[in-house]
PDB file of N, CA and C in Angstrom:
ATOM      1  N   MET A   1      24.016   8.184 -42.903  1.00  0.00           N
ATOM      2  CA  MET A   1      23.872   6.778 -42.574  1.00  0.00           C
ATOM      3  C   MET A   1      24.002   6.550 -41.066  1.00  0.00           C
ATOM      4  N   LYS A   2      25.011   7.197 -40.452  1.00  0.00           N
ATOM      5  CA  LYS A   2      25.207   7.052 -39.008  1.00  0.00           C
ATOM      6  C   LYS A   2      24.002   7.615 -38.247  1.00  0.00           C
ATOM      7  N   THR A   3      23.434   8.685 -38.755  1.00  0.00           N
ATOM      8  CA  THR A   3      22.285   9.299 -38.092  1.00  0.00           C
ATOM      9  C   THR A   3      21.099   8.350 -38.083  1.00  0.00           C
ATOM     10  N   LYS A   4      20.843   7.668 -39.190  1.00  0.00           N
ATOM     11  CA  LYS A   4      19.731   6.718 -39.264  1.00  0.00           C
ATOM     12  C   LYS A   4      19.934   5.562 -38.285  1.00  0.00           C
ATOM     13  N   ILE A   5      21.149   5.071 -38.175  1.00  0.00           N
ATOM     14  CA  ILE A   5      21.460   3.968 -37.261  1.00  0.00           C
ATOM     15  C   ILE A   5      21.258   4.432 -35.809  1.00  0.00           C
ATOM     16  N   LEU A   6      21.751   5.621 -35.488  1.00  0.00           N
ATOM     17  CA  LEU A   6      21.597   6.145 -34.129  1.00  0.00           C
ATOM     18  C   LEU A   6      20.126   6.380 -33.776  1.00  0.00           C
ATOM     19  N   ILE A   7      19.355   6.911 -34.710  1.00  0.00           N
ATOM     20  CA  ILE A   7      17.930   7.140 -34.462  1.00  0.00           C
ATOM     21  C   ILE A   7      17.210   5.808 -34.270  1.00  0.00           C
ATOM     22  N   THR A   8      17.510   4.827 -35.096  1.00  0.00           N
ATOM     23  CA  THR A   8      16.896   3.503 -34.968  1.00  0.00           C
ATOM     24  C   THR A   8      17.251   2.867 -33.635  1.00  0.00           C
ATOM     25  N   LEU A   9      18.499   2.961 -33.236  1.00  0.00           N
ATOM     26  CA  LEU A   9      18.943   2.412 -31.952  1.00  0.00           C
ATOM     27  C   LEU A   9      18.231   3.111 -30.794  1.00  0.00           C
ATOM     28  N   PHE A  10      18.127   4.438 -30.864  1.00  0.00           N
ATOM     29  CA  PHE A  10      17.435   5.191 -29.817  1.00  0.00           C
ATOM     30  C   PHE A  10      15.971   4.776 -29.721  1.00  0.00           C
ATOM     31  N   VAL A  11      15.301   4.632 -30.844  1.00  0.00           N
ATOM     32  CA  VAL A  11      13.888   4.240 -30.856  1.00  0.00           C
ATOM     33  C   VAL A  11      13.726   2.841 -30.256  1.00  0.00           C
ATOM     34  N   MET A  12      14.636   1.926 -30.566  1.00  0.00           N
ATOM     35  CA  MET A  12      14.542   0.564 -30.027  1.00  0.00           C
ATOM     36  C   MET A  12      14.733   0.565 -28.512  1.00  0.00           C
ATOM     37  N   VAL A  13      15.706   1.310 -28.016  1.00  0.00           N
ATOM     38  CA  VAL A  13      15.957   1.373 -26.576  1.00  0.00           C
ATOM     39  C   VAL A  13      14.780   2.033 -25.865  1.00  0.00           C
ATOM     40  N   PHE A  14      14.273   3.111 -26.408  1.00  0.00           N
ATOM     41  CA  PHE A  14      13.135   3.805 -25.811  1.00  0.00           C
ATOM     42  C   PHE A  14      11.894   2.915 -25.785  1.00  0.00           C
ATOM     43  N   SER A  15      11.637   2.211 -26.881  1.00  0.00           N
ATOM     44  CA  SER A  15      10.477   1.306 -26.942  1.00  0.00           C
ATOM     45  C   SER A  15      10.602   0.185 -25.920  1.00  0.00           C
ATOM     46  N   GLY A  16      11.782  -0.375 -25.788  1.00  0.00           N
ATOM     47  CA  GLY A  16      12.005  -1.438 -24.805  1.00  0.00           C
ATOM     48  C   GLY A  16      11.780  -0.950 -23.383  1.00  0.00           C
ATOM     49  N   ALA A  17      12.245   0.259 -23.101  1.00  0.00           N
ATOM     50  CA  ALA A  17      12.051   0.829 -21.763  1.00  0.00           C
ATOM     51  C   ALA A  17      10.569   1.056 -21.486  1.00  0.00           C
ATOM     52  N   MET A  18       9.832   1.517 -22.471  1.00  0.00           N
ATOM     53  CA  MET A  18       8.396   1.758 -22.296  1.00  0.00           C
ATOM     54  C   MET A  18       7.648   0.448 -22.052  1.00  0.00           C
ATOM     55  N   VAL A  19       7.992  -0.589 -22.798  1.00  0.00           N
ATOM     56  CA  VAL A  19       7.332  -1.888 -22.617  1.00  0.00           C
ATOM     57  C   VAL A  19       7.629  -2.437 -21.233  1.00  0.00           C
ATOM     58  N   PHE A  20       8.871  -2.364 -20.786  1.00  0.00           N
ATOM     59  CA  PHE A  20       9.239  -2.860 -19.462  1.00  0.00           C
ATOM     60  C   PHE A  20       8.518  -2.070 -18.371  1.00  0.00           C
ATOM     61  N   GLY A  21       8.474  -0.745 -18.498  1.00  0.00           N
ATOM     62  CA  GLY A  21       7.798   0.091 -17.507  1.00  0.00           C
ATOM     63  C   GLY A  21       6.316  -0.219 -17.407  1.00  0.00           C
ATOM     64  N   GLN A  22       5.651  -0.438 -18.530  1.00  0.00           N
ATOM     65  CA  GLN A  22       4.228  -0.767 -18.523  1.00  0.00           C
ATOM     66  C   GLN A  22       4.009  -2.139 -17.914  1.00  0.00           C
ATOM     67  N   ASP A  23       4.872  -3.087 -18.216  1.00  0.00           N
ATOM     68  CA  ASP A  23       4.717  -4.439 -17.690  1.00  0.00           C
ATOM     69  C   ASP A  23       4.824  -4.447 -16.169  1.00  0.00           C
ATOM     70  N   THR A  24       5.774  -3.698 -15.605  1.00  0.00           N
ATOM     71  CA  THR A  24       5.938  -3.623 -14.152  1.00  0.00           C
ATOM     72  C   THR A  24       4.704  -3.006 -13.508  1.00  0.00           C
ATOM     73  N   THR A  25       4.167  -1.948 -14.101  1.00  0.00           N
ATOM     74  CA  THR A  25       2.986  -1.286 -13.554  1.00  0.00           C
ATOM     75  C   THR A  25       1.791  -2.227 -13.561  1.00  0.00           C
ATOM     76  N   LYS A  26       1.597  -2.963 -14.647  1.00  0.00           N
ATOM     77  CA  LYS A  26       0.485  -3.909 -14.721  1.00  0.00           C
ATOM     78  C   LYS A  26       0.623  -4.979 -13.645  1.00  0.00           C
ATOM     79  N   THR A  27       1.833  -5.474 -13.422  1.00  0.00           N
ATOM     80  CA  THR A  27       2.059  -6.502 -12.406  1.00  0.00           C
ATOM     81  C   THR A  27       1.734  -5.960 -11.023  1.00  0.00           C
ATOM     82  N   GLU A  28       2.182  -4.727 -10.728  1.00  0.00           N
ATOM     83  CA  GLU A  28       1.880  -4.102  -9.436  1.00  0.00           C
ATOM     84  C   GLU A  28       0.379  -4.004  -9.222  1.00  0.00           C
ATOM     85  N   LYS A  29      -0.349  -3.516 -10.236  1.00  0.00           N
ATOM     86  CA  LYS A  29      -1.795  -3.344 -10.114  1.00  0.00           C
ATOM     87  C   LYS A  29      -2.493  -4.679  -9.931  1.00  0.00           C
ATOM     88  N   LYS A  30      -2.055  -5.705 -10.669  1.00  0.00           N
ATOM     89  CA  LYS A  30      -2.665  -7.027 -10.534  1.00  0.00           C
ATOM     90  C   LYS A  30      -2.473  -7.565  -9.129  1.00  0.00           C
ATOM     91  N   GLN A  31      -1.258  -7.421  -8.565  1.00  0.00           N
ATOM     92  CA  GLN A  31      -0.997  -7.912  -7.218  1.00  0.00           C
ATOM     93  C   GLN A  31      -1.839  -7.168  -6.193  1.00  0.00           C
ATOM     94  N   THR A  32      -1.923  -5.846  -6.316  1.00  0.00           N
ATOM     95  CA  THR A  32      -2.694  -5.053  -5.369  1.00  0.00           C
ATOM     96  C   THR A  32      -4.172  -5.394  -5.453  1.00  0.00           C
ATOM     97  N   VAL A  33      -4.715  -5.487  -6.672  1.00  0.00           N
ATOM     98  CA  VAL A  33      -6.130  -5.815  -6.843  1.00  0.00           C
ATOM     99  C   VAL A  33      -6.411  -7.215  -6.334  1.00  0.00           C
ATOM    100  N   LYS A  34      -5.539  -8.166  -6.657  1.00  0.00           N
ATOM    101  CA  LYS A  34      -5.741  -9.546  -6.231  1.00  0.00           C
ATOM    102  C   LYS A  34      -5.759  -9.651  -4.713  1.00  0.00           C
ATOM    103  N   THR A  35      -4.777  -9.049  -4.048  1.00  0.00           N
ATOM    104  CA  THR A  35      -4.722  -9.168  -2.594  1.00  0.00           C
ATOM    105  C   THR A  35      -5.852  -8.388  -1.937  1.00  0.00           C
ATOM    106  N   SER A  36      -6.271  -7.264  -2.515  1.00  0.00           N
ATOM    107  CA  SER A  36      -7.374  -6.500  -1.937  1.00  0.00           C
ATOM    108  C   SER A  36      -8.671  -7.288  -2.020  1.00  0.00           C
ATOM    109  N   MET A  37      -8.890  -7.979  -3.128  1.00  0.00           N
ATOM    110  CA  MET A  37     -10.116  -8.741  -3.296  1.00  0.00           C
ATOM    111  C   MET A  37     -10.119  -9.982  -2.409  1.00  0.00           C
ATOM    112  N   GLU A  38      -8.949 -10.575  -2.179  1.00  0.00           N
ATOM    113  CA  GLU A  38      -8.866 -11.803  -1.398  1.00  0.00           C
ATOM    114  C   GLU A  38      -8.956 -11.542   0.101  1.00  0.00           C
ATOM    115  N   MET A  39      -8.660 -10.290   0.530  1.00  0.00           N
ATOM    116  CA  MET A  39      -8.680  -9.996   1.951  1.00  0.00           C
ATOM    117  C   MET A  39     -10.099 -10.040   2.496  1.00  0.00           C
ATOM    118  N   GLN A  40     -10.252 -10.655   3.632  1.00  0.00           N
ATOM    119  CA  GLN A  40     -11.539 -10.749   4.286  1.00  0.00           C
ATOM    120  C   GLN A  40     -11.463 -10.018   5.605  1.00  0.00           C
ATOM    121  N   LYS A  41     -12.600  -9.865   6.260  1.00  0.00           N
ATOM    122  CA  LYS A  41     -12.629  -9.218   7.570  1.00  0.00           C
ATOM    123  C   LYS A  41     -11.791 -10.035   8.552  1.00  0.00           C
ATOM    124  N   ASP A  42     -11.158  -9.354   9.497  1.00  0.00           N
ATOM    125  CA  ASP A  42     -10.282  -9.972  10.488  1.00  0.00           C
ATOM    126  C   ASP A  42      -9.154 -10.765   9.842  1.00  0.00           C
ATOM    127  N   SER A  43      -8.670 -10.318   8.689  1.00  0.00           N
ATOM    128  CA  SER A  43      -7.572 -11.014   8.031  1.00  0.00           C
ATOM    129  C   SER A  43      -6.280 -10.219   8.203  1.00  0.00           C
ATOM    130  N   VAL A  44      -5.164 -10.878   7.961  1.00  0.00           N
ATOM    131  CA  VAL A  44      -3.851 -10.260   8.095  1.00  0.00           C
ATOM    132  C   VAL A  44      -3.298 -10.021   6.698  1.00  0.00           C
ATOM    133  N   TYR A  45      -2.713  -8.858   6.488  1.00  0.00           N
ATOM    134  CA  TYR A  45      -2.035  -8.568   5.238  1.00  0.00           C
ATOM    135  C   TYR A  45      -0.794  -7.737   5.549  1.00  0.00           C
ATOM    136  N   TYR A  46       0.015  -7.488   4.548  1.00  0.00           N
ATOM    137  CA  TYR A  46       1.252  -6.734   4.714  1.00  0.00           C
ATOM    138  C   TYR A  46       1.156  -5.469   3.874  1.00  0.00           C
ATOM    139  N   SER A  47       1.495  -4.332   4.503  1.00  0.00           N
ATOM    140  CA  SER A  47       1.331  -3.034   3.863  1.00  0.00           C
ATOM    141  C   SER A  47       2.589  -2.200   4.034  1.00  0.00           C
ATOM    142  N   CYS A  48       2.757  -1.238   3.139  1.00  0.00           N
ATOM    143  CA  CYS A  48       3.894  -0.318   3.216  1.00  0.00           C
ATOM    144  C   CYS A  48       3.507   0.871   4.094  1.00  0.00           C
ATOM    145  N   THR A  49       4.416   1.298   4.963  1.00  0.00           N
ATOM    146  CA  THR A  49       4.129   2.439   5.840  1.00  0.00           C
ATOM    147  C   THR A  49       4.100   3.748   5.056  1.00  0.00           C
ATOM    148  N   MET A  50       4.774   3.798   3.924  1.00  0.00           N
ATOM    149  CA  MET A  50       4.784   5.011   3.108  1.00  0.00           C
ATOM    150  C   MET A  50       3.680   5.002   2.052  1.00  0.00           C
ATOM    151  N   HIS A  51       3.234   3.820   1.649  1.00  0.00           N
ATOM    152  CA  HIS A  51       2.203   3.676   0.620  1.00  0.00           C
ATOM    153  C   HIS A  51       1.117   2.725   1.134  1.00  0.00           C
ATOM    154  N   PRO A  52       0.174   3.217   1.953  1.00  0.00           N
ATOM    155  CA  PRO A  52      -0.823   2.333   2.570  1.00  0.00           C
ATOM    156  C   PRO A  52      -1.730   1.629   1.567  1.00  0.00           C
ATOM    157  N   GLU A  53      -1.761   2.112   0.324  1.00  0.00           N
ATOM    158  CA  GLU A  53      -2.582   1.443  -0.684  1.00  0.00           C
ATOM    159  C   GLU A  53      -1.942   0.140  -1.170  1.00  0.00           C
ATOM    160  N   VAL A  54      -0.650  -0.057  -0.897  1.00  0.00           N
ATOM    161  CA  VAL A  54       0.044  -1.299  -1.266  1.00  0.00           C
ATOM    162  C   VAL A  54      -0.272  -2.338  -0.206  1.00  0.00           C
ATOM    163  N   LYS A  55      -0.970  -3.395  -0.602  1.00  0.00           N
ATOM    164  CA  LYS A  55      -1.355  -4.454   0.330  1.00  0.00           C
ATOM    165  C   LYS A  55      -1.051  -5.798  -0.309  1.00  0.00           C
ATOM    166  N   MET A  56      -0.250  -6.610   0.368  1.00  0.00           N
ATOM    167  CA  MET A  56       0.134  -7.931  -0.125  1.00  0.00           C
ATOM    168  C   MET A  56      -0.279  -8.986   0.896  1.00  0.00           C
ATOM    169  N   ASP A  57      -0.426 -10.217   0.442  1.00  0.00           N
ATOM    170  CA  ASP A  57      -0.824 -11.298   1.346  1.00  0.00           C
ATOM    171  C   ASP A  57       0.362 -12.005   1.980  1.00  0.00           C
ATOM    172  N   SER A  58       1.593 -11.592   1.655  1.00  0.00           N
ATOM    173  CA  SER A  58       2.780 -12.190   2.255  1.00  0.00           C
ATOM    174  C   SER A  58       3.834 -11.099   2.466  1.00  0.00           C
ATOM    175  N   PRO A  59       4.784 -11.317   3.394  1.00  0.00           N
ATOM    176  CA  PRO A  59       5.814 -10.296   3.624  1.00  0.00           C
ATOM    177  C   PRO A  59       6.678 -10.098   2.389  1.00  0.00           C
ATOM    178  N   GLY A  60       7.276  -8.939   2.282  1.00  0.00           N
ATOM    179  CA  GLY A  60       8.137  -8.649   1.144  1.00  0.00           C
ATOM    180  C   GLY A  60       8.516  -7.186   1.140  1.00  0.00           C
ATOM    181  N   LYS A  61       8.808  -6.675  -0.048  1.00  0.00           N
ATOM    182  CA  LYS A  61       9.209  -5.280  -0.231  1.00  0.00           C
ATOM    183  C   LYS A  61       8.114  -4.523  -0.976  1.00  0.00           C
ATOM    184  N   CYS A  62       7.989  -3.230  -0.676  1.00  0.00           N
ATOM    185  CA  CYS A  62       7.042  -2.368  -1.381  1.00  0.00           C
ATOM    186  C   CYS A  62       7.519  -2.204  -2.824  1.00  0.00           C
ATOM    187  N   PRO A  63       6.636  -2.444  -3.807  1.00  0.00           N
ATOM    188  CA  PRO A  63       7.060  -2.296  -5.200  1.00  0.00           C
ATOM    189  C   PRO A  63       7.304  -0.840  -5.600  1.00  0.00           C
ATOM    190  N   LYS A  64       6.839   0.118  -4.802  1.00  0.00           N
ATOM    191  CA  LYS A  64       7.022   1.527  -5.138  1.00  0.00           C
ATOM    192  C   LYS A  64       8.307   2.107  -4.563  1.00  0.00           C
ATOM    193  N   CYS A  65       8.629   1.755  -3.287  1.00  0.00           N
ATOM    194  CA  CYS A  65       9.791   2.381  -2.645  1.00  0.00           C
ATOM    195  C   CYS A  65      10.840   1.379  -2.160  1.00  0.00           C
ATOM    196  N   GLY A  66      10.496   0.081  -2.114  1.00  0.00           N
ATOM    197  CA  GLY A  66      11.465  -0.931  -1.706  1.00  0.00           C
ATOM    198  C   GLY A  66      11.554  -1.164  -0.211  1.00  0.00           C
ATOM    199  N   LYS A  67      10.740  -0.453   0.609  1.00  0.00           N
ATOM    200  CA  LYS A  67      10.769  -0.661   2.059  1.00  0.00           C
ATOM    201  C   LYS A  67      10.104  -1.988   2.405  1.00  0.00           C
ATOM    202  N   ASP A  68      10.479  -2.544   3.563  1.00  0.00           N
ATOM    203  CA  ASP A  68       9.844  -3.776   4.031  1.00  0.00           C
ATOM    204  C   ASP A  68       8.374  -3.512   4.352  1.00  0.00           C
ATOM    205  N   LEU A  69       7.517  -4.470   3.992  1.00  0.00           N
ATOM    206  CA  LEU A  69       6.099  -4.368   4.318  1.00  0.00           C
ATOM    207  C   LEU A  69       5.893  -4.762   5.771  1.00  0.00           C
ATOM    208  N   VAL A  70       4.924  -4.131   6.451  1.00  0.00           N
ATOM    209  CA  VAL A  70       4.638  -4.434   7.844  1.00  0.00           C
ATOM    210  C   VAL A  70       3.303  -5.174   7.942  1.00  0.00           C
ATOM    211  N   LYS A  71       3.217  -6.036   8.954  1.00  0.00           N
ATOM    212  CA  LYS A  71       2.025  -6.845   9.170  1.00  0.00           C
ATOM    213  C   LYS A  71       0.886  -5.952   9.678  1.00  0.00           C
ATOM    214  N   THR A  72      -0.293  -6.093   9.067  1.00  0.00           N
ATOM    215  CA  THR A  72      -1.462  -5.304   9.427  1.00  0.00           C
ATOM    216  C   THR A  72      -2.667  -6.228   9.507  1.00  0.00           C
ATOM    217  N   THR A  73      -3.595  -5.946  10.418  1.00  0.00           N
ATOM    218  CA  THR A  73      -4.798  -6.755  10.555  1.00  0.00           C
ATOM    219  C   THR A  73      -6.021  -5.913  10.243  1.00  0.00           C
ATOM    220  N   VAL A  74      -6.924  -6.458   9.416  1.00  0.00           N
ATOM    221  CA  VAL A  74      -8.177  -5.796   9.116  1.00  0.00           C
ATOM    222  C   VAL A  74      -9.193  -6.286  10.130  1.00  0.00           C
ATOM    223  N   LYS A  75      -9.761  -5.369  10.882  1.00  0.00           N
ATOM    224  CA  LYS A  75     -10.749  -5.727  11.894  1.00  0.00           C
ATOM    225  C   LYS A  75     -12.144  -5.706  11.285  1.00  0.00           C
ATOM    226  N   SER A  76     -12.988  -6.591  11.767  1.00  0.00           N
ATOM    227  CA  SER A  76     -14.372  -6.646  11.321  1.00  0.00           C
ATOM    228  C   SER A  76     -15.093  -5.373  11.732  1.00  0.00           C
ATOM    229  N   THR A  77     -15.854  -4.784  10.813  1.00  0.00           N
ATOM    230  CA  THR A  77     -16.563  -3.548  11.127  1.00  0.00           C
ATOM    231  C   THR A  77     -17.832  -3.815  11.924  1.00  0.00           C
ATOM    232  N   THR A  78     -18.316  -5.049  11.938  1.00  0.00           N
ATOM    233  CA  THR A  78     -19.542  -5.343  12.672  1.00  0.00           C
ATOM    234  C   THR A  78     -19.293  -5.428  14.170  1.00  0.00           C
ATOM    235  N   ASN A  79     -18.060  -5.673  14.578  1.00  0.00           N
ATOM    236  CA  ASN A  79     -17.751  -5.806  15.998  1.00  0.00           C
ATOM    237  C   ASN A  79     -16.917  -4.641  16.506  1.00  0.00           C
ATOM    238  N   LYS A  80     -17.219  -3.424  16.044  1.00  0.00           N
ATOM    239  CA  LYS A  80     -16.464  -2.265  16.487  1.00  0.00           C
ATOM    240  C   LYS A  80     -16.687  -2.023  17.962  1.00  0.00           C
ATOM    241  N   PRO A  81     -15.609  -1.753  18.706  1.00  0.00           N
ATOM    242  CA  PRO A  81     -15.808  -1.439  20.117  1.00  0.00           C
ATOM    243  C   PRO A  81     -16.549  -0.112  20.257  1.00  0.00           C
ATOM    244  N   LYS A  82     -17.446  -0.052  21.203  1.00  0.00           N
ATOM    245  CA  LYS A  82     -18.184   1.182  21.435  1.00  0.00           C
ATOM    246  C   LYS A  82     -17.281   2.148  22.192  1.00  0.00           C
ATOM    247  N   SER A  83     -17.355   3.392  21.794  1.00  0.00           N
ATOM    248  CA  SER A  83     -16.551   4.409  22.457  1.00  0.00           C
ATOM    249  C   SER A  83     -17.167   4.732  23.809  1.00  0.00           C
ATOM    250  N   ASP A  84     -16.417   4.467  24.867  1.00  0.00           N
ATOM    251  CA  ASP A  84     -16.911   4.736  26.214  1.00  0.00           C
ATOM    252  C   ASP A  84     -16.220   5.961  26.817  1.00  0.00           C
ATOM    253  N   GLY A  85     -15.528   6.697  25.972  1.00  0.00           N
ATOM    254  CA  GLY A  85     -14.822   7.867  26.466  1.00  0.00           C
ATOM    255  C   GLY A  85     -13.427   7.520  26.978  1.00  0.00           C
ATOM    256  N   LEU A  86     -13.151   6.229  27.214  1.00  0.00           N
ATOM    257  CA  LEU A  86     -11.853   5.804  27.723  1.00  0.00           C
ATOM    258  C   LEU A  86     -10.973   5.237  26.614  1.00  0.00           C
ATOM    259  N   THR A  87     -11.598   4.771  25.535  1.00  0.00           N
ATOM    260  CA  THR A  87     -10.841   4.195  24.419  1.00  0.00           C
ATOM    261  C   THR A  87     -10.334   5.317  23.537  1.00  0.00           C
ATOM    262  N   SER A  88      -9.050   5.261  23.192  1.00  0.00           N
ATOM    263  CA  SER A  88      -8.444   6.264  22.338  1.00  0.00           C
ATOM    264  C   SER A  88      -7.761   5.567  21.168  1.00  0.00           C
ATOM    265  N   TYR A  89      -7.872   6.146  19.993  1.00  0.00           N
ATOM    266  CA  TYR A  89      -7.277   5.583  18.786  1.00  0.00           C
ATOM    267  C   TYR A  89      -6.204   6.529  18.281  1.00  0.00           C
ATOM    268  N   THR A  90      -5.133   5.948  17.702  1.00  0.00           N
ATOM    269  CA  THR A  90      -4.028   6.751  17.190  1.00  0.00           C
ATOM    270  C   THR A  90      -3.454   6.117  15.933  1.00  0.00           C
ATOM    271  N   CYS A  91      -2.670   6.885  15.201  1.00  0.00           N
ATOM    272  CA  CYS A  91      -1.995   6.400  13.989  1.00  0.00           C
ATOM    273  C   CYS A  91      -0.609   5.877  14.375  1.00  0.00           C
ATOM    274  N   THR A  92      -0.234   4.732  13.815  1.00  0.00           N
ATOM    275  CA  THR A  92       1.087   4.172  14.130  1.00  0.00           C
ATOM    276  C   THR A  92       2.221   5.015  13.547  1.00  0.00           C
ATOM    277  N   MET A  93       1.948   5.741  12.463  1.00  0.00           N
ATOM    278  CA  MET A  93       2.973   6.580  11.846  1.00  0.00           C
ATOM    279  C   MET A  93       2.966   8.010  12.402  1.00  0.00           C
ATOM    280  N   HIS A  94       1.810   8.442  12.902  1.00  0.00           N
ATOM    281  CA  HIS A  94       1.667   9.805  13.412  1.00  0.00           C
ATOM    282  C   HIS A  94       1.019   9.762  14.792  1.00  0.00           C
ATOM    283  N   PRO A  95       1.798   9.497  15.853  1.00  0.00           N
ATOM    284  CA  PRO A  95       1.232   9.341  17.199  1.00  0.00           C
ATOM    285  C   PRO A  95       0.519  10.591  17.721  1.00  0.00           C
ATOM    286  N   GLU A  96       0.776  11.741  17.099  1.00  0.00           N
ATOM    287  CA  GLU A  96       0.094  12.955  17.540  1.00  0.00           C
ATOM    288  C   GLU A  96      -1.373  12.985  17.094  1.00  0.00           C
ATOM    289  N   VAL A  97      -1.729  12.126  16.129  1.00  0.00           N
ATOM    290  CA  VAL A  97      -3.120  12.034  15.666  1.00  0.00           C
ATOM    291  C   VAL A  97      -3.871  11.091  16.601  1.00  0.00           C
ATOM    292  N   THR A  98      -4.895  11.593  17.281  1.00  0.00           N
ATOM    293  CA  THR A  98      -5.691  10.770  18.179  1.00  0.00           C
ATOM    294  C   THR A  98      -7.168  11.006  17.913  1.00  0.00           C
ATOM    295  N   SER A  99      -7.982  10.008  18.269  1.00  0.00           N
ATOM    296  CA  SER A  99      -9.423  10.102  18.089  1.00  0.00           C
ATOM    297  C   SER A  99     -10.102   9.235  19.140  1.00  0.00           C
ATOM    298  N   ASP A 100     -11.361   9.541  19.446  1.00  0.00           N
ATOM    299  CA  ASP A 100     -12.105   8.719  20.396  1.00  0.00           C
ATOM    300  C   ASP A 100     -12.896   7.621  19.691  1.00  0.00           C
ATOM    301  N   LYS A 101     -12.757   7.539  18.356  1.00  0.00           N
ATOM    302  CA  LYS A 101     -13.431   6.478  17.594  1.00  0.00           C
ATOM    303  C   LYS A 101     -12.512   5.994  16.469  1.00  0.00           C
ATOM    304  N   PRO A 102     -12.726   4.766  15.981  1.00  0.00           N
ATOM    305  CA  PRO A 102     -11.881   4.254  14.896  1.00  0.00           C
ATOM    306  C   PRO A 102     -12.083   5.057  13.619  1.00  0.00           C
ATOM    307  N   GLY A 103     -11.082   5.023  12.764  1.00  0.00           N
ATOM    308  CA  GLY A 103     -11.160   5.742  11.494  1.00  0.00           C
ATOM    309  C   GLY A 103      -9.831   5.692  10.771  1.00  0.00           C
ATOM    310  N   LYS A 104      -9.606   6.658   9.895  1.00  0.00           N
ATOM    311  CA  LYS A 104      -8.379   6.745   9.105  1.00  0.00           C
ATOM    312  C   LYS A 104      -7.578   7.964   9.544  1.00  0.00           C
ATOM    313  N   CYS A 105      -6.265   7.849   9.455  1.00  0.00           N
ATOM    314  CA  CYS A 105      -5.379   8.971   9.759  1.00  0.00           C
ATOM    315  C   CYS A 105      -5.541  10.025   8.667  1.00  0.00           C
ATOM    316  N   PRO A 106      -5.781  11.286   9.020  1.00  0.00           N
ATOM    317  CA  PRO A 106      -5.935  12.326   8.003  1.00  0.00           C
ATOM    318  C   PRO A 106      -4.630  12.653   7.278  1.00  0.00           C
ATOM    319  N   LYS A 107      -3.496  12.261   7.835  1.00  0.00           N
ATOM    320  CA  LYS A 107      -2.205  12.566   7.212  1.00  0.00           C
ATOM    321  C   LYS A 107      -1.774  11.503   6.209  1.00  0.00           C
ATOM    322  N   CYS A 108      -1.977  10.211   6.555  1.00  0.00           N
ATOM    323  CA  CYS A 108      -1.455   9.147   5.680  1.00  0.00           C
ATOM    324  C   CYS A 108      -2.516   8.153   5.214  1.00  0.00           C
ATOM    325  N   GLY A 109      -3.709   8.184   5.815  1.00  0.00           N
ATOM    326  CA  GLY A 109      -4.774   7.283   5.381  1.00  0.00           C
ATOM    327  C   GLY A 109      -4.754   5.908   6.016  1.00  0.00           C
ATOM    328  N   MET A 110      -3.800   5.658   6.915  1.00  0.00           N
ATOM    329  CA  MET A 110      -3.748   4.348   7.575  1.00  0.00           C
ATOM    330  C   MET A 110      -4.864   4.245   8.610  1.00  0.00           C
ATOM    331  N   ASP A 111      -5.274   3.007   8.930  1.00  0.00           N
ATOM    332  CA  ASP A 111      -6.287   2.786   9.961  1.00  0.00           C
ATOM    333  C   ASP A 111      -5.735   3.201  11.320  1.00  0.00           C
ATOM    334  N   LEU A 112      -6.582   3.859  12.124  1.00  0.00           N
ATOM    335  CA  LEU A 112      -6.195   4.189  13.489  1.00  0.00           C
ATOM    336  C   LEU A 112      -6.311   2.938  14.331  1.00  0.00           C
ATOM    337  N   VAL A 113      -5.406   2.768  15.282  1.00  0.00           N
ATOM    338  CA  VAL A 113      -5.389   1.593  16.155  1.00  0.00           C
ATOM    339  C   VAL A 113      -5.646   2.025  17.589  1.00  0.00           C
ATOM    340  N   VAL A 114      -6.076   1.084  18.435  1.00  0.00           N
ATOM    341  CA  VAL A 114      -6.341   1.388  19.833  1.00  0.00           C
ATOM    342  C   VAL A 114      -5.042   1.785  20.507  1.00  0.00           C
ATOM    343  N   LYS A 115      -5.079   2.926  21.190  1.00  0.00           N
ATOM    344  CA  LYS A 115      -3.899   3.427  21.885  1.00  0.00           C
ATOM    345  C   LYS A 115      -3.762   2.672  23.195  1.00  0.00           C
ATOM    346  N   LYS A 116      -2.563   2.191  23.458  1.00  0.00           N
ATOM    347  CA  LYS A 116      -2.327   1.401  24.665  1.00  0.00           C
ATOM    348  C   LYS A 116      -1.724   2.224  25.752  1.00  0.00           C
TER     349      LYS A 116
END
């Protein structure tokens, strides 16, 4: 009798944990998809430095790691500055990564920014 009660209790706790875990994941995906679709060229969004795929339209915490989101600007691709040999681009997380044209960091995937 005790075994049946313990097994039933375990199944209920496990099921509840699974439902909660799925609900959190769905919410994260909805927020990421919603903010990605709403973002326009030359718009500002907030992203996690450890998880660049996390993009929100307001400041807050990363749902994956809990770090503060940082302000990021999406630049229009139609008005890209022409590389004149003097412009240099770098990653904010990996300053050793440099390029003479805009692109993505090969280490973390973040957009390269103009080096000042």
